[in-house]
Amino acid sequence: MPLTMLPPGKEAIINICRAKDSTKKFLEGLGILPGVTISVISEMDGNLIVCVKGSRLALNKGIAQQLLVQVA
């Protein structure tokens, strides 16, 4: 399911990133890689604040929809 469907407070494992290559490289630099645990802290208008490896990151709705996750 897309990351945008994950409710706040739930953890999930990133499966696939369907973004274009330049965006994938940017996300990899932030630690957003397949196999990594991610959780949604808050959501506003589809934009998310997420926690990855202890760091809080903001993701816009478009990028969050391209990250497919599986509930842990």
PDB file of N, CA and C in Angstrom:
ATOM      1  N   MET A   1       0.843  -1.179   0.000  1.00  0.00           N
ATOM      2  CA  MET A   1       0.000   0.000   0.000  1.00  0.00           C
ATOM      3  C   MET A   1       0.890   1.244   0.000  1.00  0.00           C
ATOM      4  N   PRO A   2       0.397   2.357  -0.522  1.00  0.00           N
ATOM      5  CA  PRO A   2       1.200   3.589  -0.495  1.00  0.00           C
ATOM      6  C   PRO A   2       1.376   4.105   0.928  1.00  0.00           C
ATOM      7  N   LEU A   3       2.472   4.779   1.165  1.00  0.00           N
ATOM      8  CA  LEU A   3       2.761   5.331   2.494  1.00  0.00           C
ATOM      9  C   LEU A   3       1.651   6.273   2.955  1.00  0.00           C
ATOM     10  N   THR A   4       0.980   6.942   2.036  1.00  0.00           N
ATOM     11  CA  THR A   4      -0.083   7.884   2.409  1.00  0.00           C
ATOM     12  C   THR A   4      -1.250   7.197   3.112  1.00  0.00           C
ATOM     13  N   MET A   5      -1.391   5.877   2.959  1.00  0.00           N
ATOM     14  CA  MET A   5      -2.489   5.146   3.596  1.00  0.00           C
ATOM     15  C   MET A   5      -2.130   4.629   4.986  1.00  0.00           C
ATOM     16  N   LEU A   6      -0.864   4.755   5.385  1.00  0.00           N
ATOM     17  CA  LEU A   6      -0.438   4.275   6.698  1.00  0.00           C
ATOM     18  C   LEU A   6      -0.921   5.244   7.773  1.00  0.00           C
ATOM     19  N   PRO A   7      -1.683   4.760   8.766  1.00  0.00           N
ATOM     20  CA  PRO A   7      -2.174   5.670   9.803  1.00  0.00           C
ATOM     21  C   PRO A   7      -1.050   6.136  10.728  1.00  0.00           C
ATOM     22  N   PRO A   8      -1.167   7.346  11.275  1.00  0.00           N
ATOM     23  CA  PRO A   8      -0.145   7.833  12.212  1.00  0.00           C
ATOM     24  C   PRO A   8       0.044   6.871  13.386  1.00  0.00           C
ATOM     25  N   GLY A   9       1.304   6.681  13.769  1.00  0.00           N
ATOM     26  CA  GLY A   9       1.635   5.808  14.886  1.00  0.00           C
ATOM     27  C   GLY A   9       1.952   4.375  14.479  1.00  0.00           C
ATOM     28  N   LYS A  10       1.603   3.977  13.270  1.00  0.00           N
ATOM     29  CA  LYS A  10       1.884   2.611  12.794  1.00  0.00           C
ATOM     30  C   LYS A  10       3.255   2.566  12.143  1.00  0.00           C
ATOM     31  N   GLU A  11       3.910   1.418  12.273  1.00  0.00           N
ATOM     32  CA  GLU A  11       5.197   1.204  11.608  1.00  0.00           C
ATOM     33  C   GLU A  11       4.994   0.301  10.395  1.00  0.00           C
ATOM     34  N   ALA A  12       5.827   0.513   9.389  1.00  0.00           N
ATOM     35  CA  ALA A  12       5.781  -0.316   8.186  1.00  0.00           C
ATOM     36  C   ALA A  12       7.186  -0.440   7.625  1.00  0.00           C
ATOM     37  N   ILE A  13       7.353  -1.408   6.748  1.00  0.00           N
ATOM     38  CA  ILE A  13       8.630  -1.638   6.062  1.00  0.00           C
ATOM     39  C   ILE A  13       8.483  -1.124   4.627  1.00  0.00           C
ATOM     40  N   ILE A  14       9.458  -0.363   4.171  1.00  0.00           N
ATOM     41  CA  ILE A  14       9.430   0.133   2.797  1.00  0.00           C
ATOM     42  C   ILE A  14       9.738  -1.031   1.860  1.00  0.00           C
ATOM     43  N   ASN A  15       8.857  -1.250   0.876  1.00  0.00           N
ATOM     44  CA  ASN A  15       9.055  -2.323  -0.101  1.00  0.00           C
ATOM     45  C   ASN A  15       9.678  -1.797  -1.385  1.00  0.00           C
ATOM     46  N   ILE A  16       9.022  -0.813  -1.991  1.00  0.00           N
ATOM     47  CA  ILE A  16       9.422  -0.330  -3.316  1.00  0.00           C
ATOM     48  C   ILE A  16       9.289   1.188  -3.361  1.00  0.00           C
ATOM     49  N   CYS A  17      10.203   1.806  -4.077  1.00  0.00           N
ATOM     50  CA  CYS A  17      10.089   3.234  -4.377  1.00  0.00           C
ATOM     51  C   CYS A  17       9.878   3.348  -5.881  1.00  0.00           C
ATOM     52  N   ARG A  18       8.719   3.880  -6.291  1.00  0.00           N
ATOM     53  CA  ARG A  18       8.394   3.995  -7.707  1.00  0.00           C
ATOM     54  C   ARG A  18       8.739   5.371  -8.275  1.00  0.00           C
ATOM     55  N   ALA A  19       9.496   6.160  -7.561  1.00  0.00           N
ATOM     56  CA  ALA A  19       9.867   7.503  -8.018  1.00  0.00           C
ATOM     57  C   ALA A  19      10.918   7.421  -9.122  1.00  0.00           C
ATOM     58  N   LYS A  20      11.117   8.544  -9.829  1.00  0.00           N
ATOM     59  CA  LYS A  20      12.162   8.569 -10.854  1.00  0.00           C
ATOM     60  C   LYS A  20      13.532   8.511 -10.184  1.00  0.00           C
ATOM     61  N   ASP A  21      14.549   8.188 -10.954  1.00  0.00           N
ATOM     62  CA  ASP A  21      15.880   7.901 -10.421  1.00  0.00           C
ATOM     63  C   ASP A  21      16.459   9.039  -9.578  1.00  0.00           C
ATOM     64  N   SER A  22      16.302  10.279 -10.024  1.00  0.00           N
ATOM     65  CA  SER A  22      16.874  11.394  -9.256  1.00  0.00           C
ATOM     66  C   SER A  22      16.211  11.516  -7.889  1.00  0.00           C
ATOM     67  N   THR A  23      14.902  11.287  -7.837  1.00  0.00           N
ATOM     68  CA  THR A  23      14.184  11.339  -6.558  1.00  0.00           C
ATOM     69  C   THR A  23      14.593  10.171  -5.677  1.00  0.00           C
ATOM     70  N   LYS A  24      14.765   8.976  -6.280  1.00  0.00           N
ATOM     71  CA  LYS A  24      15.202   7.799  -5.516  1.00  0.00           C
ATOM     72  C   LYS A  24      16.546   8.063  -4.845  1.00  0.00           C
ATOM     73  N   LYS A  25      17.475   8.646  -5.589  1.00  0.00           N
ATOM     74  CA  LYS A  25      18.799   8.926  -5.022  1.00  0.00           C
ATOM     75  C   LYS A  25      18.702   9.913  -3.874  1.00  0.00           C
ATOM     76  N   PHE A  26      17.846  10.916  -4.011  1.00  0.00           N
ATOM     77  CA  PHE A  26      17.641  11.884  -2.943  1.00  0.00           C
ATOM     78  C   PHE A  26      17.084  11.202  -1.695  1.00  0.00           C
ATOM     79  N   LEU A  27      16.081  10.344  -1.885  1.00  0.00           N
ATOM     80  CA  LEU A  27      15.472   9.632  -0.759  1.00  0.00           C
ATOM     81  C   LEU A  27      16.466   8.672  -0.107  1.00  0.00           C
ATOM     82  N   GLU A  28      17.288   8.013  -0.925  1.00  0.00           N
ATOM     83  CA  GLU A  28      18.308   7.113  -0.373  1.00  0.00           C
ATOM     84  C   GLU A  28      19.278   7.878   0.514  1.00  0.00           C
ATOM     85  N   GLY A  29      19.600   9.095   0.137  1.00  0.00           N
ATOM     86  CA  GLY A  29      20.473   9.935   0.956  1.00  0.00           C
ATOM     87  C   GLY A  29      19.858  10.276   2.302  1.00  0.00           C
ATOM     88  N   LEU A  30      18.521  10.270   2.359  1.00  0.00           N
ATOM     89  CA  LEU A  30      17.813  10.531   3.615  1.00  0.00           C
ATOM     90  C   LEU A  30      17.607   9.249   4.423  1.00  0.00           C
ATOM     91  N   GLY A  31      17.990   8.104   3.869  1.00  0.00           N
ATOM     92  CA  GLY A  31      17.823   6.829   4.567  1.00  0.00           C
ATOM     93  C   GLY A  31      16.535   6.114   4.230  1.00  0.00           C
ATOM     94  N   ILE A  32      15.808   6.598   3.220  1.00  0.00           N
ATOM     95  CA  ILE A  32      14.553   5.964   2.813  1.00  0.00           C
ATOM     96  C   ILE A  32      14.874   4.954   1.725  1.00  0.00           C
ATOM     97  N   LEU A  33      15.058   3.698   2.161  1.00  0.00           N
ATOM     98  CA  LEU A  33      15.465   2.596   1.290  1.00  0.00           C
ATOM     99  C   LEU A  33      14.541   1.404   1.495  1.00  0.00           C
ATOM    100  N   PRO A  34      14.419   0.530   0.487  1.00  0.00           N
ATOM    101  CA  PRO A  34      13.653  -0.707   0.708  1.00  0.00           C
ATOM    102  C   PRO A  34      14.243  -1.500   1.882  1.00  0.00           C
ATOM    103  N   GLY A  35      13.343  -2.033   2.713  1.00  0.00           N
ATOM    104  CA  GLY A  35      13.762  -2.813   3.870  1.00  0.00           C
ATOM    105  C   GLY A  35      13.860  -2.017   5.153  1.00  0.00           C
ATOM    106  N   VAL A  36      13.775  -0.694   5.066  1.00  0.00           N
ATOM    107  CA  VAL A  36      13.896   0.167   6.242  1.00  0.00           C
ATOM    108  C   VAL A  36      12.513   0.365   6.871  1.00  0.00           C
ATOM    109  N   THR A  37      12.474   0.437   8.197  1.00  0.00           N
ATOM    110  CA  THR A  37      11.230   0.692   8.916  1.00  0.00           C
ATOM    111  C   THR A  37      10.926   2.188   8.897  1.00  0.00           C
ATOM    112  N   ILE A  38       9.672   2.520   8.627  1.00  0.00           N
ATOM    113  CA  ILE A  38       9.224   3.912   8.580  1.00  0.00           C
ATOM    114  C   ILE A  38       7.913   4.013   9.346  1.00  0.00           C
ATOM    115  N   SER A  39       7.693   5.134  10.011  1.00  0.00           N
ATOM    116  CA  SER A  39       6.415   5.355  10.687  1.00  0.00           C
ATOM    117  C   SER A  39       5.950   6.776  10.422  1.00  0.00           C
ATOM    118  N   VAL A  40       4.635   6.946  10.367  1.00  0.00           N
ATOM    119  CA  VAL A  40       4.035   8.261  10.153  1.00  0.00           C
ATOM    120  C   VAL A  40       3.814   8.907  11.513  1.00  0.00           C
ATOM    121  N   ILE A  41       4.346  10.113  11.680  1.00  0.00           N
ATOM    122  CA  ILE A  41       4.147  10.858  12.925  1.00  0.00           C
ATOM    123  C   ILE A  41       2.888  11.708  12.823  1.00  0.00           C
ATOM    124  N   SER A  42       2.752  12.426  11.712  1.00  0.00           N
ATOM    125  CA  SER A  42       1.548  13.229  11.504  1.00  0.00           C
ATOM    126  C   SER A  42       1.298  13.430  10.024  1.00  0.00           C
ATOM    127  N   GLU A  43       0.057  13.848   9.710  1.00  0.00           N
ATOM    128  CA  GLU A  43      -0.367  14.039   8.326  1.00  0.00           C
ATOM    129  C   GLU A  43      -1.205  15.310   8.252  1.00  0.00           C
ATOM    130  N   MET A  44      -0.942  16.120   7.214  1.00  0.00           N
ATOM    131  CA  MET A  44      -1.756  17.302   6.980  1.00  0.00           C
ATOM    132  C   MET A  44      -1.934  17.477   5.474  1.00  0.00           C
ATOM    133  N   ASP A  45      -3.166  17.380   4.999  1.00  0.00           N
ATOM    134  CA  ASP A  45      -3.498  17.507   3.577  1.00  0.00           C
ATOM    135  C   ASP A  45      -2.723  16.508   2.711  1.00  0.00           C
ATOM    136  N   GLY A  46      -2.425  15.337   3.235  1.00  0.00           N
ATOM    137  CA  GLY A  46      -1.701  14.320   2.481  1.00  0.00           C
ATOM    138  C   GLY A  46      -0.196  14.384   2.631  1.00  0.00           C
ATOM    139  N   ASN A  47       0.325  15.520   3.086  1.00  0.00           N
ATOM    140  CA  ASN A  47       1.763  15.649   3.341  1.00  0.00           C
ATOM    141  C   ASN A  47       2.074  15.013   4.688  1.00  0.00           C
ATOM    142  N   LEU A  48       3.224  14.360   4.792  1.00  0.00           N
ATOM    143  CA  LEU A  48       3.522  13.558   5.981  1.00  0.00           C
ATOM    144  C   LEU A  48       4.790  14.012   6.693  1.00  0.00           C
ATOM    145  N   ILE A  49       4.785  13.851   8.005  1.00  0.00           N
ATOM    146  CA  ILE A  49       5.999  13.877   8.806  1.00  0.00           C
ATOM    147  C   ILE A  49       6.235  12.424   9.186  1.00  0.00           C
ATOM    148  N   VAL A  50       7.402  11.893   8.820  1.00  0.00           N
ATOM    149  CA  VAL A  50       7.698  10.488   9.072  1.00  0.00           C
ATOM    150  C   VAL A  50       8.952  10.354   9.932  1.00  0.00           C
ATOM    151  N   CYS A  51       9.095   9.189  10.530  1.00  0.00           N
ATOM    152  CA  CYS A  51      10.286   8.875  11.314  1.00  0.00           C
ATOM    153  C   CYS A  51      10.996   7.713  10.628  1.00  0.00           C
ATOM    154  N   VAL A  52      12.266   7.955  10.266  1.00  0.00           N
ATOM    155  CA  VAL A  52      13.107   6.943   9.636  1.00  0.00           C
ATOM    156  C   VAL A  52      14.438   6.932  10.366  1.00  0.00           C
ATOM    157  N   LYS A  53      14.798   5.791  10.929  1.00  0.00           N
ATOM    158  CA  LYS A  53      16.072   5.639  11.644  1.00  0.00           C
ATOM    159  C   LYS A  53      16.262   6.727  12.709  1.00  0.00           C
ATOM    160  N   GLY A  54      15.185   7.068  13.405  1.00  0.00           N
ATOM    161  CA  GLY A  54      15.267   8.050  14.487  1.00  0.00           C
ATOM    162  C   GLY A  54      15.236   9.497  14.043  1.00  0.00           C
ATOM    163  N   SER A  55      15.154   9.758  12.752  1.00  0.00           N
ATOM    164  CA  SER A  55      15.100  11.131  12.238  1.00  0.00           C
ATOM    165  C   SER A  55      13.700  11.437  11.723  1.00  0.00           C
ATOM    166  N   ARG A  56      13.265  12.665  11.948  1.00  0.00           N
ATOM    167  CA  ARG A  56      11.973  13.105  11.429  1.00  0.00           C
ATOM    168  C   ARG A  56      12.183  13.804  10.098  1.00  0.00           C
ATOM    169  N   LEU A  57      11.372  13.409   9.114  1.00  0.00           N
ATOM    170  CA  LEU A  57      11.469  13.967   7.778  1.00  0.00           C
ATOM    171  C   LEU A  57      10.083  14.361   7.287  1.00  0.00           C
ATOM    172  N   ALA A  58      10.031  15.394   6.462  1.00  0.00           N
ATOM    173  CA  ALA A  58       8.774  15.798   5.837  1.00  0.00           C
ATOM    174  C   ALA A  58       8.760  15.292   4.401  1.00  0.00           C
ATOM    175  N   LEU A  59       7.653  14.677   4.005  1.00  0.00           N
ATOM    176  CA  LEU A  59       7.482  14.190   2.632  1.00  0.00           C
ATOM    177  C   LEU A  59       6.183  14.751   2.071  1.00  0.00           C
ATOM    178  N   ASN A  60       6.240  15.260   0.836  1.00  0.00           N
ATOM    179  CA  ASN A  60       4.994  15.730   0.253  1.00  0.00           C
ATOM    180  C   ASN A  60       4.163  14.544  -0.227  1.00  0.00           C
ATOM    181  N   LYS A  61       2.908  14.817  -0.486  1.00  0.00           N
ATOM    182  CA  LYS A  61       1.957  13.760  -0.837  1.00  0.00           C
ATOM    183  C   LYS A  61       2.395  12.975  -2.072  1.00  0.00           C
ATOM    184  N   GLY A  62       2.921  13.663  -3.089  1.00  0.00           N
ATOM    185  CA  GLY A  62       3.325  13.001  -4.322  1.00  0.00           C
ATOM    186  C   GLY A  62       4.413  11.971  -4.110  1.00  0.00           C
ATOM    187  N   ILE A  63       5.414  12.313  -3.314  1.00  0.00           N
ATOM    188  CA  ILE A  63       6.503  11.373  -3.042  1.00  0.00           C
ATOM    189  C   ILE A  63       6.012  10.243  -2.143  1.00  0.00           C
ATOM    190  N   ALA A  64       5.212  10.583  -1.141  1.00  0.00           N
ATOM    191  CA  ALA A  64       4.705   9.566  -0.218  1.00  0.00           C
ATOM    192  C   ALA A  64       3.867   8.515  -0.950  1.00  0.00           C
ATOM    193  N   GLN A  65       3.148   8.911  -1.995  1.00  0.00           N
ATOM    194  CA  GLN A  65       2.335   7.952  -2.752  1.00  0.00           C
ATOM    195  C   GLN A  65       3.198   6.995  -3.564  1.00  0.00           C
ATOM    196  N   GLN A  66       4.428   7.388  -3.871  1.00  0.00           N
ATOM    197  CA  GLN A  66       5.312   6.537  -4.663  1.00  0.00           C
ATOM    198  C   GLN A  66       6.100   5.551  -3.804  1.00  0.00           C
ATOM    199  N   LEU A  67       5.993   5.665  -2.485  1.00  0.00           N
ATOM    200  CA  LEU A  67       6.639   4.721  -1.578  1.00  0.00           C
ATOM    201  C   LEU A  67       5.628   3.658  -1.158  1.00  0.00           C
ATOM    202  N   LEU A  68       5.874   2.429  -1.570  1.00  0.00           N
ATOM    203  CA  LEU A  68       4.981   1.338  -1.194  1.00  0.00           C
ATOM    204  C   LEU A  68       5.529   0.645   0.043  1.00  0.00           C
ATOM    205  N   VAL A  69       4.656   0.432   1.019  1.00  0.00           N
ATOM    206  CA  VAL A  69       5.065  -0.138   2.307  1.00  0.00           C
ATOM    207  C   VAL A  69       4.217  -1.352   2.659  1.00  0.00           C
ATOM    208  N   GLN A  70       4.726  -2.135   3.591  1.00  0.00           N
ATOM    209  CA  GLN A  70       4.004  -3.287   4.137  1.00  0.00           C
ATOM    210  C   GLN A  70       4.010  -3.144   5.646  1.00  0.00           C
ATOM    211  N   VAL A  71       2.856  -3.263   6.281  1.00  0.00           N
ATOM    212  CA  VAL A  71       2.755  -3.102   7.730  1.00  0.00           C
ATOM    213  C   VAL A  71       3.601  -4.148   8.414  1.00  0.00           C
ATOM    214  N   ALA A  72       4.390  -3.695   9.394  1.00  0.00           N
ATOM    215  CA  ALA A  72       5.333  -4.589  10.100  1.00  0.00           C
ATOM    216  C   ALA A  72       4.586  -5.503  11.036  1.00  0.00           C
TER     217      ALA A  72
END
